[in-house]
PDB file of N, CA and C in Angstrom:
ATOM      1  N   MET A   1      31.303  35.144  42.972  1.00  0.00           N
ATOM      2  CA  MET A   1      30.659  36.304  43.403  1.00  0.00           C
ATOM      3  C   MET A   1      29.161  36.183  43.498  1.00  0.00           C
ATOM      4  N   LYS A   2      28.703  35.637  42.227  1.00  0.00           N
ATOM      5  CA  LYS A   2      27.187  35.593  42.174  1.00  0.00           C
ATOM      6  C   LYS A   2      26.573  34.662  43.152  1.00  0.00           C
ATOM      7  N   LYS A   3      27.317  33.515  43.560  1.00  0.00           N
ATOM      8  CA  LYS A   3      26.956  32.513  44.621  1.00  0.00           C
ATOM      9  C   LYS A   3      26.855  33.139  45.991  1.00  0.00           C
ATOM     10  N   LYS A   4      27.971  34.036  46.353  1.00  0.00           N
ATOM     11  CA  LYS A   4      27.916  34.663  47.500  1.00  0.00           C
ATOM     12  C   LYS A   4      26.729  35.671  47.697  1.00  0.00           C
ATOM     13  N   LEU A   5      26.427  36.403  46.647  1.00  0.00           N
ATOM     14  CA  LEU A   5      25.344  37.393  46.371  1.00  0.00           C
ATOM     15  C   LEU A   5      23.950  36.601  46.711  1.00  0.00           C
ATOM     16  N   SER A   6      23.851  35.526  45.806  1.00  0.00           N
ATOM     17  CA  SER A   6      22.636  34.682  46.009  1.00  0.00           C
ATOM     18  C   SER A   6      22.408  34.148  47.390  1.00  0.00           C
ATOM     19  N   LEU A   7      23.446  33.588  48.016  1.00  0.00           N
ATOM     20  CA  LEU A   7      23.352  33.183  49.253  1.00  0.00           C
ATOM     21  C   LEU A   7      22.996  34.225  50.339  1.00  0.00           C
ATOM     22  N   GLY A   8      23.748  35.482  50.134  1.00  0.00           N
ATOM     23  CA  GLY A   8      23.305  36.411  51.139  1.00  0.00           C
ATOM     24  C   GLY A   8      21.844  36.808  51.021  1.00  0.00           C
ATOM     25  N   CYS A   9      21.431  37.042  49.839  1.00  0.00           N
ATOM     26  CA  CYS A   9      20.054  37.337  49.654  1.00  0.00           C
ATOM     27  C   CYS A   9      19.077  36.192  50.240  1.00  0.00           C
ATOM     28  N   PHE A  10      19.399  34.992  50.076  1.00  0.00           N
ATOM     29  CA  PHE A  10      18.686  34.042  50.648  1.00  0.00           C
ATOM     30  C   PHE A  10      18.650  34.097  52.124  1.00  0.00           C
ATOM     31  N   VAL A  11      19.780  34.262  52.726  1.00  0.00           N
ATOM     32  CA  VAL A  11      19.916  34.315  54.308  1.00  0.00           C
ATOM     33  C   VAL A  11      19.221  35.485  54.696  1.00  0.00           C
ATOM     34  N   PHE A  12      19.242  36.732  53.997  1.00  0.00           N
ATOM     35  CA  PHE A  12      18.567  37.958  54.324  1.00  0.00           C
ATOM     36  C   PHE A  12      17.045  37.593  54.358  1.00  0.00           C
ATOM     37  N   CYS A  13      16.574  36.974  53.415  1.00  0.00           N
ATOM     38  CA  CYS A  13      15.117  36.735  53.178  1.00  0.00           C
ATOM     39  C   CYS A  13      14.770  35.778  54.333  1.00  0.00           C
ATOM     40  N   LEU A  14      15.444  34.791  54.675  1.00  0.00           N
ATOM     41  CA  LEU A  14      15.005  34.011  55.783  1.00  0.00           C
ATOM     42  C   LEU A  14      15.059  34.840  57.112  1.00  0.00           C
ATOM     43  N   ILE A  15      15.982  35.737  57.357  1.00  0.00           N
ATOM     44  CA  ILE A  15      15.833  36.513  58.544  1.00  0.00           C
ATOM     45  C   ILE A  15      14.583  37.410  58.416  1.00  0.00           C
ATOM     46  N   LEU A  16      14.395  38.031  57.431  1.00  0.00           N
ATOM     47  CA  LEU A  16      13.137  38.930  57.275  1.00  0.00           C
ATOM     48  C   LEU A  16      11.990  38.109  57.577  1.00  0.00           C
ATOM     49  N   CYS A  17      11.853  36.823  56.916  1.00  0.00           N
ATOM     50  CA  CYS A  17      10.561  36.023  57.197  1.00  0.00           C
ATOM     51  C   CYS A  17      10.502  35.667  58.521  1.00  0.00           C
ATOM     52  N   ALA A  18      11.621  35.347  59.195  1.00  0.00           N
ATOM     53  CA  ALA A  18      11.450  34.977  60.612  1.00  0.00           C
ATOM     54  C   ALA A  18      11.067  36.218  61.493  1.00  0.00           C
ATOM     55  N   SER A  19      11.343  37.362  61.176  1.00  0.00           N
ATOM     56  CA  SER A  19      11.092  38.512  61.931  1.00  0.00           C
ATOM     57  C   SER A  19       9.624  38.922  61.585  1.00  0.00           C
ATOM     58  N   CYS A  20       9.096  38.529  60.409  1.00  0.00           N
ATOM     59  CA  CYS A  20       7.698  38.896  59.955  1.00  0.00           C
ATOM     60  C   CYS A  20       6.673  38.180  60.773  1.00  0.00           C
ATOM     61  N   ASN A  21       6.813  36.950  61.082  1.00  0.00           N
ATOM     62  CA  ASN A  21       5.847  35.933  61.697  1.00  0.00           C
ATOM     63  C   ASN A  21       5.703  36.018  63.093  1.00  0.00           C
ATOM     64  N   ARG A  22       4.853  37.050  63.515  1.00  0.00           N
ATOM     65  CA  ARG A  22       4.600  37.128  64.984  1.00  0.00           C
ATOM     66  C   ARG A  22       3.280  36.574  65.231  1.00  0.00           C
ATOM     67  N   SER A  23       2.402  36.277  64.466  1.00  0.00           N
ATOM     68  CA  SER A  23       0.941  35.944  64.689  1.00  0.00           C
ATOM     69  C   SER A  23       0.785  34.313  64.788  1.00  0.00           C
ATOM     70  N   GLY A  24       1.741  33.645  64.592  1.00  0.00           N
ATOM     71  CA  GLY A  24       1.552  32.145  64.743  1.00  0.00           C
ATOM     72  C   GLY A  24       1.014  31.624  63.545  1.00  0.00           C
ATOM     73  N   GLN A  25       0.717  32.340  62.552  1.00  0.00           N
ATOM     74  CA  GLN A  25       0.081  31.975  61.177  1.00  0.00           C
ATOM     75  C   GLN A  25       1.289  31.806  60.101  1.00  0.00           C
ATOM     76  N   ALA A  26       0.952  31.314  59.039  1.00  0.00           N
ATOM     77  CA  ALA A  26       1.996  31.216  57.939  1.00  0.00           C
ATOM     78  C   ALA A  26       2.277  32.487  57.410  1.00  0.00           C
ATOM     79  N   THR A  27       3.498  32.785  57.039  1.00  0.00           N
ATOM     80  CA  THR A  27       4.059  33.885  56.208  1.00  0.00           C
ATOM     81  C   THR A  27       4.671  33.466  55.012  1.00  0.00           C
ATOM     82  N   ILE A  28       4.288  34.290  53.911  1.00  0.00           N
ATOM     83  CA  ILE A  28       4.945  34.094  52.591  1.00  0.00           C
ATOM     84  C   ILE A  28       5.751  35.284  52.438  1.00  0.00           C
ATOM     85  N   CYS A  29       6.955  35.312  52.029  1.00  0.00           N
ATOM     86  CA  CYS A  29       7.832  36.373  51.859  1.00  0.00           C
ATOM     87  C   CYS A  29       8.905  36.136  50.852  1.00  0.00           C
ATOM     88  N   GLY A  30       9.470  37.139  50.224  1.00  0.00           N
ATOM     89  CA  GLY A  30      10.588  36.904  49.279  1.00  0.00           C
ATOM     90  C   GLY A  30      10.881  38.295  48.556  1.00  0.00           C
ATOM     91  N   PHE A  31      11.410  37.961  47.475  1.00  0.00           N
ATOM     92  CA  PHE A  31      11.775  39.112  46.605  1.00  0.00           C
ATOM     93  C   PHE A  31      11.221  39.014  45.235  1.00  0.00           C
ATOM     94  N   VAL A  32      10.750  40.232  44.719  1.00  0.00           N
ATOM     95  CA  VAL A  32      10.482  40.156  43.149  1.00  0.00           C
ATOM     96  C   VAL A  32      11.695  40.349  42.445  1.00  0.00           C
ATOM     97  N   LYS A  33      11.875  39.322  41.426  1.00  0.00           N
ATOM     98  CA  LYS A  33      13.173  39.452  40.646  1.00  0.00           C
ATOM     99  C   LYS A  33      12.844  39.293  39.252  1.00  0.00           C
ATOM    100  N   HIS A  34      13.685  40.054  38.589  1.00  0.00           N
ATOM    101  CA  HIS A  34      13.760  39.918  37.103  1.00  0.00           C
ATOM    102  C   HIS A  34      15.219  39.541  36.798  1.00  0.00           C
ATOM    103  N   HIS A  35      15.272  38.184  36.508  1.00  0.00           N
ATOM    104  CA  HIS A  35      16.517  37.519  36.532  1.00  0.00           C
ATOM    105  C   HIS A  35      17.226  37.722  37.910  1.00  0.00           C
ATOM    106  N   ASN A  36      18.427  38.337  38.081  1.00  0.00           N
ATOM    107  CA  ASN A  36      19.009  38.408  39.334  1.00  0.00           C
ATOM    108  C   ASN A  36      18.782  39.751  39.903  1.00  0.00           C
ATOM    109  N   ASP A  37      18.049  40.654  39.307  1.00  0.00           N
ATOM    110  CA  ASP A  37      17.745  42.094  39.656  1.00  0.00           C
ATOM    111  C   ASP A  37      16.402  42.108  40.550  1.00  0.00           C
ATOM    112  N   THR A  38      16.441  42.685  41.579  1.00  0.00           N
ATOM    113  CA  THR A  38      15.146  42.924  42.503  1.00  0.00           C
ATOM    114  C   THR A  38      14.573  44.085  41.885  1.00  0.00           C
ATOM    115  N   ILE A  39      13.203  43.965  41.982  1.00  0.00           N
ATOM    116  CA  ILE A  39      12.268  44.971  41.511  1.00  0.00           C
ATOM    117  C   ILE A  39      11.721  45.747  42.654  1.00  0.00           C
ATOM    118  N   VAL A  40      12.025  47.088  42.945  1.00  0.00           N
ATOM    119  CA  VAL A  40      11.480  47.736  44.016  1.00  0.00           C
ATOM    120  C   VAL A  40      10.175  48.395  43.622  1.00  0.00           C
ATOM    121  N   SER A  41       9.264  48.618  44.592  1.00  0.00           N
ATOM    122  CA  SER A  41       7.925  49.118  44.409  1.00  0.00           C
ATOM    123  C   SER A  41       7.018  48.234  43.556  1.00  0.00           C
ATOM    124  N   ALA A  42       7.262  47.052  43.394  1.00  0.00           N
ATOM    125  CA  ALA A  42       6.308  46.184  42.542  1.00  0.00           C
ATOM    126  C   ALA A  42       5.146  45.812  43.424  1.00  0.00           C
ATOM    127  N   LYS A  43       4.064  45.592  42.725  1.00  0.00           N
ATOM    128  CA  LYS A  43       2.925  45.023  43.456  1.00  0.00           C
ATOM    129  C   LYS A  43       3.002  43.573  43.445  1.00  0.00           C
ATOM    130  N   VAL A  44       2.646  42.786  44.543  1.00  0.00           N
ATOM    131  CA  VAL A  44       2.582  41.473  44.573  1.00  0.00           C
ATOM    132  C   VAL A  44       1.168  41.092  45.032  1.00  0.00           C
ATOM    133  N   TYR A  45       0.438  40.245  44.063  1.00  0.00           N
ATOM    134  CA  TYR A  45      -0.977  39.915  44.328  1.00  0.00           C
ATOM    135  C   TYR A  45      -0.962  38.433  44.844  1.00  0.00           C
ATOM    136  N   VAL A  46      -1.928  38.135  45.678  1.00  0.00           N
ATOM    137  CA  VAL A  46      -2.069  36.732  46.001  1.00  0.00           C
ATOM    138  C   VAL A  46      -3.459  36.363  45.759  1.00  0.00           C
ATOM    139  N   LYS A  47      -3.724  35.156  45.298  1.00  0.00           N
ATOM    140  CA  LYS A  47      -4.970  34.485  45.111  1.00  0.00           C
ATOM    141  C   LYS A  47      -4.855  33.206  45.871  1.00  0.00           C
ATOM    142  N   TYR A  48      -5.755  33.265  47.056  1.00  0.00           N
ATOM    143  CA  TYR A  48      -5.633  32.048  47.974  1.00  0.00           C
ATOM    144  C   TYR A  48      -6.462  31.086  47.457  1.00  0.00           C
ATOM    145  N   ASP A  49      -6.115  29.835  47.640  1.00  0.00           N
ATOM    146  CA  ASP A  49      -6.773  28.489  47.242  1.00  0.00           C
ATOM    147  C   ASP A  49      -7.022  28.629  45.799  1.00  0.00           C
ATOM    148  N   GLY A  50      -6.284  28.944  45.038  1.00  0.00           N
ATOM    149  CA  GLY A  50      -6.508  28.893  43.421  1.00  0.00           C
ATOM    150  C   GLY A  50      -5.286  28.933  42.792  1.00  0.00           C
ATOM    151  N   GLY A  51      -5.348  28.599  41.453  1.00  0.00           N
ATOM    152  CA  GLY A  51      -4.362  28.731  40.397  1.00  0.00           C
ATOM    153  C   GLY A  51      -4.293  30.078  39.923  1.00  0.00           C
ATOM    154  N   PHE A  52      -3.607  30.258  38.822  1.00  0.00           N
ATOM    155  CA  PHE A  52      -3.415  31.517  38.086  1.00  0.00           C
ATOM    156  C   PHE A  52      -4.896  32.051  37.521  1.00  0.00           C
ATOM    157  N   PRO A  53      -5.368  33.168  38.236  1.00  0.00           N
ATOM    158  CA  PRO A  53      -6.660  33.572  37.704  1.00  0.00           C
ATOM    159  C   PRO A  53      -6.564  34.637  36.498  1.00  0.00           C
ATOM    160  N   GLY A  54      -5.365  34.891  36.136  1.00  0.00           N
ATOM    161  CA  GLY A  54      -5.192  35.781  34.941  1.00  0.00           C
ATOM    162  C   GLY A  54      -4.401  37.132  35.421  1.00  0.00           C
ATOM    163  N   GLN A  55      -4.308  37.975  34.394  1.00  0.00           N
ATOM    164  CA  GLN A  55      -3.743  39.201  34.670  1.00  0.00           C
ATOM    165  C   GLN A  55      -4.441  40.402  35.309  1.00  0.00           C
ATOM    166  N   ASP A  56      -5.897  40.041  35.405  1.00  0.00           N
ATOM    167  CA  ASP A  56      -6.771  41.151  35.916  1.00  0.00           C
ATOM    168  C   ASP A  56      -6.486  41.057  37.567  1.00  0.00           C
ATOM    169  N   VAL A  57      -5.840  41.974  38.051  1.00  0.00           N
ATOM    170  CA  VAL A  57      -5.516  42.176  39.399  1.00  0.00           C
ATOM    171  C   VAL A  57      -6.783  42.295  40.363  1.00  0.00           C
ATOM    172  N   ASN A  58      -7.876  42.624  39.802  1.00  0.00           N
ATOM    173  CA  ASN A  58      -9.112  42.625  40.516  1.00  0.00           C
ATOM    174  C   ASN A  58      -9.626  41.134  40.961  1.00  0.00           C
ATOM    175  N   LEU A  59      -9.079  40.141  40.495  1.00  0.00           N
ATOM    176  CA  LEU A  59      -9.432  38.717  40.699  1.00  0.00           C
ATOM    177  C   LEU A  59      -8.649  38.221  41.854  1.00  0.00           C
ATOM    178  N   TYR A  60      -7.586  38.960  42.432  1.00  0.00           N
ATOM    179  CA  TYR A  60      -6.630  38.531  43.584  1.00  0.00           C
ATOM    180  C   TYR A  60      -7.372  39.017  44.851  1.00  0.00           C
ATOM    181  N   ASP A  61      -6.874  38.338  46.067  1.00  0.00           N
ATOM    182  CA  ASP A  61      -7.537  38.627  47.289  1.00  0.00           C
ATOM    183  C   ASP A  61      -6.807  39.615  48.068  1.00  0.00           C
ATOM    184  N   GLU A  62      -5.473  39.964  47.787  1.00  0.00           N
ATOM    185  CA  GLU A  62      -4.754  40.657  48.552  1.00  0.00           C
ATOM    186  C   GLU A  62      -3.502  41.127  47.894  1.00  0.00           C
ATOM    187  N   VAL A  63      -2.958  42.445  48.203  1.00  0.00           N
ATOM    188  CA  VAL A  63      -1.704  42.921  47.597  1.00  0.00           C
ATOM    189  C   VAL A  63      -0.765  43.431  48.610  1.00  0.00           C
ATOM    190  N   ALA A  64       0.410  43.387  48.097  1.00  0.00           N
ATOM    191  CA  ALA A  64       1.613  44.012  48.855  1.00  0.00           C
ATOM    192  C   ALA A  64       2.440  44.659  47.971  1.00  0.00           C
ATOM    193  N   THR A  65       3.181  45.579  48.560  1.00  0.00           N
ATOM    194  CA  THR A  65       4.161  46.369  47.701  1.00  0.00           C
ATOM    195  C   THR A  65       5.641  46.145  48.062  1.00  0.00           C
ATOM    196  N   SER A  66       6.455  45.563  47.129  1.00  0.00           N
ATOM    197  CA  SER A  66       7.951  45.375  47.557  1.00  0.00           C
ATOM    198  C   SER A  66       8.665  46.702  47.955  1.00  0.00           C
ATOM    199  N   ASP A  67       9.524  46.467  48.875  1.00  0.00           N
ATOM    200  CA  ASP A  67      10.318  47.614  49.491  1.00  0.00           C
ATOM    201  C   ASP A  67      11.419  48.132  48.657  1.00  0.00           C
ATOM    202  N   ALA A  68      12.204  48.893  49.195  1.00  0.00           N
ATOM    203  CA  ALA A  68      13.478  49.413  48.435  1.00  0.00           C
ATOM    204  C   ALA A  68      14.521  48.395  48.159  1.00  0.00           C
ATOM    205  N   SER A  69      14.345  47.178  48.891  1.00  0.00           N
ATOM    206  CA  SER A  69      15.286  46.043  48.460  1.00  0.00           C
ATOM    207  C   SER A  69      14.512  44.984  47.611  1.00  0.00           C
ATOM    208  N   GLY A  70      13.300  45.224  47.233  1.00  0.00           N
ATOM    209  CA  GLY A  70      12.398  44.282  46.432  1.00  0.00           C
ATOM    210  C   GLY A  70      11.692  43.391  47.231  1.00  0.00           C
ATOM    211  N   PHE A  71      11.785  43.446  48.525  1.00  0.00           N
ATOM    212  CA  PHE A  71      11.118  42.338  49.418  1.00  0.00           C
ATOM    213  C   PHE A  71       9.678  42.618  49.644  1.00  0.00           C
ATOM    214  N   TYR A  72       9.014  41.646  49.739  1.00  0.00           N
ATOM    215  CA  TYR A  72       7.416  41.654  49.924  1.00  0.00           C
ATOM    216  C   TYR A  72       7.082  40.584  50.944  1.00  0.00           C
ATOM    217  N   SER A  73       6.083  40.748  51.633  1.00  0.00           N
ATOM    218  CA  SER A  73       5.517  39.862  52.728  1.00  0.00           C
ATOM    219  C   SER A  73       3.920  39.780  52.685  1.00  0.00           C
ATOM    220  N   PHE A  74       3.474  38.594  52.993  1.00  0.00           N
ATOM    221  CA  PHE A  74       2.146  38.377  53.277  1.00  0.00           C
ATOM    222  C   PHE A  74       1.945  37.577  54.654  1.00  0.00           C
ATOM    223  N   ASP A  75       1.399  38.054  55.653  1.00  0.00           N
ATOM    224  CA  ASP A  75       1.285  37.418  56.978  1.00  0.00           C
ATOM    225  C   ASP A  75      -0.144  36.682  57.218  1.00  0.00           C
ATOM    226  N   GLU A  76      -0.204  35.936  57.980  1.00  0.00           N
ATOM    227  CA  GLU A  76      -1.529  35.208  58.415  1.00  0.00           C
ATOM    228  C   GLU A  76      -2.141  34.514  57.139  1.00  0.00           C
ATOM    229  N   VAL A  77      -1.279  33.879  56.407  1.00  0.00           N
ATOM    230  CA  VAL A  77      -1.721  33.130  55.140  1.00  0.00           C
ATOM    231  C   VAL A  77      -2.225  31.732  55.633  1.00  0.00           C
ATOM    232  N   PRO A  78      -3.425  31.431  55.109  1.00  0.00           N
ATOM    233  CA  PRO A  78      -4.046  30.175  55.429  1.00  0.00           C
ATOM    234  C   PRO A  78      -3.304  28.868  54.640  1.00  0.00           C
ATOM    235  N   LYS A  79      -3.702  27.818  55.198  1.00  0.00           N
ATOM    236  CA  LYS A  79      -3.010  26.670  54.517  1.00  0.00           C
ATOM    237  C   LYS A  79      -3.682  26.496  53.065  1.00  0.00           C
ATOM    238  N   GLY A  80      -3.010  25.917  52.100  1.00  0.00           N
ATOM    239  CA  GLY A  80      -3.576  25.725  50.879  1.00  0.00           C
ATOM    240  C   GLY A  80      -2.579  26.096  49.749  1.00  0.00           C
ATOM    241  N   THR A  81      -2.916  25.895  48.382  1.00  0.00           N
ATOM    242  CA  THR A  81      -2.143  26.221  47.459  1.00  0.00           C
ATOM    243  C   THR A  81      -2.708  27.548  46.942  1.00  0.00           C
ATOM    244  N   HIS A  82      -1.656  28.688  46.825  1.00  0.00           N
ATOM    245  CA  HIS A  82      -1.915  30.013  46.506  1.00  0.00           C
ATOM    246  C   HIS A  82      -1.173  30.326  45.259  1.00  0.00           C
ATOM    247  N   TYR A  83      -1.515  31.400  44.686  1.00  0.00           N
ATOM    248  CA  TYR A  83      -0.840  31.951  43.406  1.00  0.00           C
ATOM    249  C   TYR A  83      -0.485  33.446  43.680  1.00  0.00           C
ATOM    250  N   LEU A  84       0.946  33.581  43.597  1.00  0.00           N
ATOM    251  CA  LEU A  84       1.561  34.969  43.710  1.00  0.00           C
ATOM    252  C   LEU A  84       1.699  35.603  42.254  1.00  0.00           C
ATOM    253  N   TYR A  85       1.395  36.817  42.052  1.00  0.00           N
ATOM    254  CA  TYR A  85       1.468  37.473  40.757  1.00  0.00           C
ATOM    255  C   TYR A  85       2.211  38.812  40.982  1.00  0.00           C
ATOM    256  N   GLY A  86       3.297  39.127  40.401  1.00  0.00           N
ATOM    257  CA  GLY A  86       3.972  40.385  40.551  1.00  0.00           C
ATOM    258  C   GLY A  86       3.968  41.260  39.170  1.00  0.00           C
ATOM    259  N   VAL A  87       3.858  42.555  39.596  1.00  0.00           N
ATOM    260  CA  VAL A  87       3.860  43.582  38.491  1.00  0.00           C
ATOM    261  C   VAL A  87       4.701  44.631  38.828  1.00  0.00           C
ATOM    262  N   GLY A  88       5.769  45.042  38.031  1.00  0.00           N
ATOM    263  CA  GLY A  88       6.520  46.007  38.423  1.00  0.00           C
ATOM    264  C   GLY A  88       7.204  46.757  37.235  1.00  0.00           C
ATOM    265  N   TRP A  89       8.289  47.595  37.459  1.00  0.00           N
ATOM    266  CA  TRP A  89       8.975  48.408  36.494  1.00  0.00           C
ATOM    267  C   TRP A  89      10.442  47.935  36.724  1.00  0.00           C
ATOM    268  N   ASP A  90      11.107  47.691  35.564  1.00  0.00           N
ATOM    269  CA  ASP A  90      12.578  47.411  35.616  1.00  0.00           C
ATOM    270  C   ASP A  90      13.162  48.565  35.022  1.00  0.00           C
ATOM    271  N   PRO A  91      13.955  49.502  35.779  1.00  0.00           N
ATOM    272  CA  PRO A  91      14.572  50.635  35.320  1.00  0.00           C
ATOM    273  C   PRO A  91      15.699  50.214  34.266  1.00  0.00           C
ATOM    274  N   GLY A  92      16.231  48.998  34.540  1.00  0.00           N
ATOM    275  CA  GLY A  92      17.560  48.478  33.846  1.00  0.00           C
ATOM    276  C   GLY A  92      17.233  48.328  32.376  1.00  0.00           C
ATOM    277  N   ILE A  93      15.851  47.957  32.130  1.00  0.00           N
ATOM    278  CA  ILE A  93      15.373  47.870  30.666  1.00  0.00           C
ATOM    279  C   ILE A  93      14.371  48.682  30.258  1.00  0.00           C
ATOM    280  N   SER A  94      13.984  49.582  31.163  1.00  0.00           N
ATOM    281  CA  SER A  94      12.925  50.612  30.957  1.00  0.00           C
ATOM    282  C   SER A  94      11.629  50.042  30.355  1.00  0.00           C
ATOM    283  N   ASP A  95      11.158  48.928  31.010  1.00  0.00           N
ATOM    284  CA  ASP A  95      10.155  48.315  30.653  1.00  0.00           C
ATOM    285  C   ASP A  95       9.284  47.622  31.845  1.00  0.00           C
ATOM    286  N   SER A  96       8.050  47.423  31.790  1.00  0.00           N
ATOM    287  CA  SER A  96       7.327  46.853  32.756  1.00  0.00           C
ATOM    288  C   SER A  96       7.584  45.290  32.755  1.00  0.00           C
ATOM    289  N   VAL A  97       7.537  44.667  33.926  1.00  0.00           N
ATOM    290  CA  VAL A  97       7.722  43.200  34.188  1.00  0.00           C
ATOM    291  C   VAL A  97       6.563  42.680  34.878  1.00  0.00           C
ATOM    292  N   PHE A  98       6.346  41.324  34.574  1.00  0.00           N
ATOM    293  CA  PHE A  98       5.276  40.685  35.331  1.00  0.00           C
ATOM    294  C   PHE A  98       5.366  39.192  35.288  1.00  0.00           C
ATOM    295  N   GLY A  99       4.847  38.619  36.222  1.00  0.00           N
ATOM    296  CA  GLY A  99       4.816  37.071  36.232  1.00  0.00           C
ATOM    297  C   GLY A  99       4.494  36.474  37.684  1.00  0.00           C
ATOM    298  N   GLY A 100       4.450  35.220  37.642  1.00  0.00           N
ATOM    299  CA  GLY A 100       3.891  34.769  38.960  1.00  0.00           C
ATOM    300  C   GLY A 100       4.459  33.306  39.227  1.00  0.00           C
ATOM    301  N   ILE A 101       3.852  32.718  40.292  1.00  0.00           N
ATOM    302  CA  ILE A 101       4.382  31.364  40.820  1.00  0.00           C
ATOM    303  C   ILE A 101       3.267  30.882  41.887  1.00  0.00           C
ATOM    304  N   PRO A 102       3.064  29.545  41.814  1.00  0.00           N
ATOM    305  CA  PRO A 102       2.254  28.980  42.790  1.00  0.00           C
ATOM    306  C   PRO A 102       3.182  28.789  44.040  1.00  0.00           C
ATOM    307  N   VAL A 103       2.433  28.736  45.286  1.00  0.00           N
ATOM    308  CA  VAL A 103       3.113  28.442  46.553  1.00  0.00           C
ATOM    309  C   VAL A 103       2.181  27.637  47.362  1.00  0.00           C
ATOM    310  N   LEU A 104       2.712  26.672  47.921  1.00  0.00           N
ATOM    311  CA  LEU A 104       2.070  25.706  48.892  1.00  0.00           C
ATOM    312  C   LEU A 104       2.282  25.902  50.148  1.00  0.00           C
ATOM    313  N   ILE A 105       1.270  26.196  51.063  1.00  0.00           N
ATOM    314  CA  ILE A 105       1.299  26.224  52.576  1.00  0.00           C
ATOM    315  C   ILE A 105       0.778  25.040  53.068  1.00  0.00           C
ATOM    316  N   ASP A 106       1.424  24.181  53.767  1.00  0.00           N
ATOM    317  CA  ASP A 106       0.879  22.938  54.174  1.00  0.00           C
ATOM    318  C   ASP A 106       0.931  22.820  55.755  1.00  0.00           C
ATOM    319  N   HIS A 107       1.460  23.821  56.302  1.00  0.00           N
ATOM    320  CA  HIS A 107       1.385  23.877  57.799  1.00  0.00           C
ATOM    321  C   HIS A 107       0.991  25.183  58.249  1.00  0.00           C
ATOM    322  N   LYS A 108       0.371  25.203  59.389  1.00  0.00           N
ATOM    323  CA  LYS A 108      -0.170  26.545  59.877  1.00  0.00           C
ATOM    324  C   LYS A 108       0.902  27.474  60.173  1.00  0.00           C
ATOM    325  N   LYS A 109       1.982  27.022  60.963  1.00  0.00           N
ATOM    326  CA  LYS A 109       2.976  27.842  61.417  1.00  0.00           C
ATOM    327  C   LYS A 109       4.343  27.601  60.556  1.00  0.00           C
ATOM    328  N   ILE A 110       4.374  28.419  59.472  1.00  0.00           N
ATOM    329  CA  ILE A 110       5.518  28.208  58.421  1.00  0.00           C
ATOM    330  C   ILE A 110       5.835  29.476  57.853  1.00  0.00           C
ATOM    331  N   ASP A 111       7.249  29.752  57.765  1.00  0.00           N
ATOM    332  CA  ASP A 111       7.637  30.852  56.848  1.00  0.00           C
ATOM    333  C   ASP A 111       8.037  30.270  55.516  1.00  0.00           C
ATOM    334  N   LYS A 112       7.441  30.848  54.499  1.00  0.00           N
ATOM    335  CA  LYS A 112       7.715  30.287  53.243  1.00  0.00           C
ATOM    336  C   LYS A 112       8.401  31.437  52.465  1.00  0.00           C
ATOM    337  N   SER A 113       9.729  30.952  52.095  1.00  0.00           N
ATOM    338  CA  SER A 113      10.508  31.956  51.256  1.00  0.00           C
ATOM    339  C   SER A 113      10.255  31.693  49.832  1.00  0.00           C
ATOM    340  N   THR A 114       9.609  32.655  49.158  1.00  0.00           N
ATOM    341  CA  THR A 114       9.345  32.390  47.682  1.00  0.00           C
ATOM    342  C   THR A 114       9.538  33.717  46.899  1.00  0.00           C
ATOM    343  N   ASP A 115      10.473  33.650  46.012  1.00  0.00           N
ATOM    344  CA  ASP A 115      10.786  34.801  45.120  1.00  0.00           C
ATOM    345  C   ASP A 115       9.788  34.767  44.059  1.00  0.00           C
ATOM    346  N   VAL A 116       9.323  35.977  43.657  1.00  0.00           N
ATOM    347  CA  VAL A 116       8.442  36.020  42.517  1.00  0.00           C
ATOM    348  C   VAL A 116       9.038  36.287  41.316  1.00  0.00           C
ATOM    349  N   PRO A 117       9.230  35.491  40.239  1.00  0.00           N
ATOM    350  CA  PRO A 117       9.957  35.675  39.111  1.00  0.00           C
ATOM    351  C   PRO A 117       9.105  36.668  38.108  1.00  0.00           C
ATOM    352  N   VAL A 118       9.556  37.672  37.613  1.00  0.00           N
ATOM    353  CA  VAL A 118       8.904  38.492  36.660  1.00  0.00           C
ATOM    354  C   VAL A 118       9.789  38.607  35.302  1.00  0.00           C
ATOM    355  N   THR A 119       9.135  38.956  34.227  1.00  0.00           N
ATOM    356  CA  THR A 119       9.766  39.064  33.168  1.00  0.00           C
ATOM    357  C   THR A 119       9.052  40.197  32.197  1.00  0.00           C
ATOM    358  N   GLU A 120       9.764  40.539  31.096  1.00  0.00           N
ATOM    359  CA  GLU A 120       9.016  41.640  30.250  1.00  0.00           C
ATOM    360  C   GLU A 120       7.922  40.956  29.179  1.00  0.00           C
TER     361      GLU A 120
END
C-alpha cells in the first residue's frame, strides 16, 4: 500500500511540475515531507548558487508556501547548485519541523522534482 501511495505522489508531482513550467526556464517543485506525511502551509526558502546559509530565513533569496497537499514550486530557476530549506508545523506531533536539501539544476529547461525533508 505504501509503495502505491509513494508512486502516486511521485506521478502527481511530475504532472504538477510539467504543468508549472511555461517559461522555458527550470522549475523546482515537490512536497514538504516529515517522514511520509506532507506538511501543508510550510514555507520553503531557496538560496540560489549556495550551500546551506543557516536557519536565518532572511539569508535566502526567495520563498514559496506549500499548498493544501504539501506541494511547493519555484519557477524560472537559474542553473547552479541551490539550497532548499523548509519550515512548517506537523499537527500529527504538535511540533514545528524544519530541514533542507541541496538541489542541482544543470540544464536551463528542466523540471526537477525534489521533496524537502523536514524533522523536529
